[in-house]
Amino acid sequence: QVRLVESGGALVQPGGSLRLSCAASGFTLDYYAIGWFRQAPGQERKGVACISSTDGSTYYADSVEDRFTISRDIAKNTVYLQMNNLKPEDAAVYYCAADLWCPTVATVKPSGVGFWGQGTQVTVSS
């Protein structure tokens, strides 16, 4: 059974940093690509980063390029999202997702993703 558990969400000041974790079970990270999505109140869920299952290639939405870094620890079966220089517009519930095609992470519809975690809240405010 596929399971994704996010953690690490918190309240952070603008300009601050945060690292989210996504612990996967029921499969290994060389089987499914893993993506991070976010959804702010009243907005659509959008992909921000993805790491491929095959060679660990990474993909980012333009809005987070150069500020966010997605990585994985194969031994821990965990994917991370390091978020630096956070802005108020980054505030959202962040979701971990599995089974997607990374090159389309910024545009894929939620229905095009296989599995979801429960989400973790990120608040950016002074």
Foldseek 3Di string as FASTA:
>chain_A
DWAWAKDWADEAAQQAKTKMKIQIPPDFLLPKKKWKWWDAPPDAIFTAKIFGNHPRDIDGDPVQPPFWDWDDDRVRSMIMIIGGRDDQVVWGWMKMFIHADGVCRGPDHPVRTDDIHPTDTHGYHD
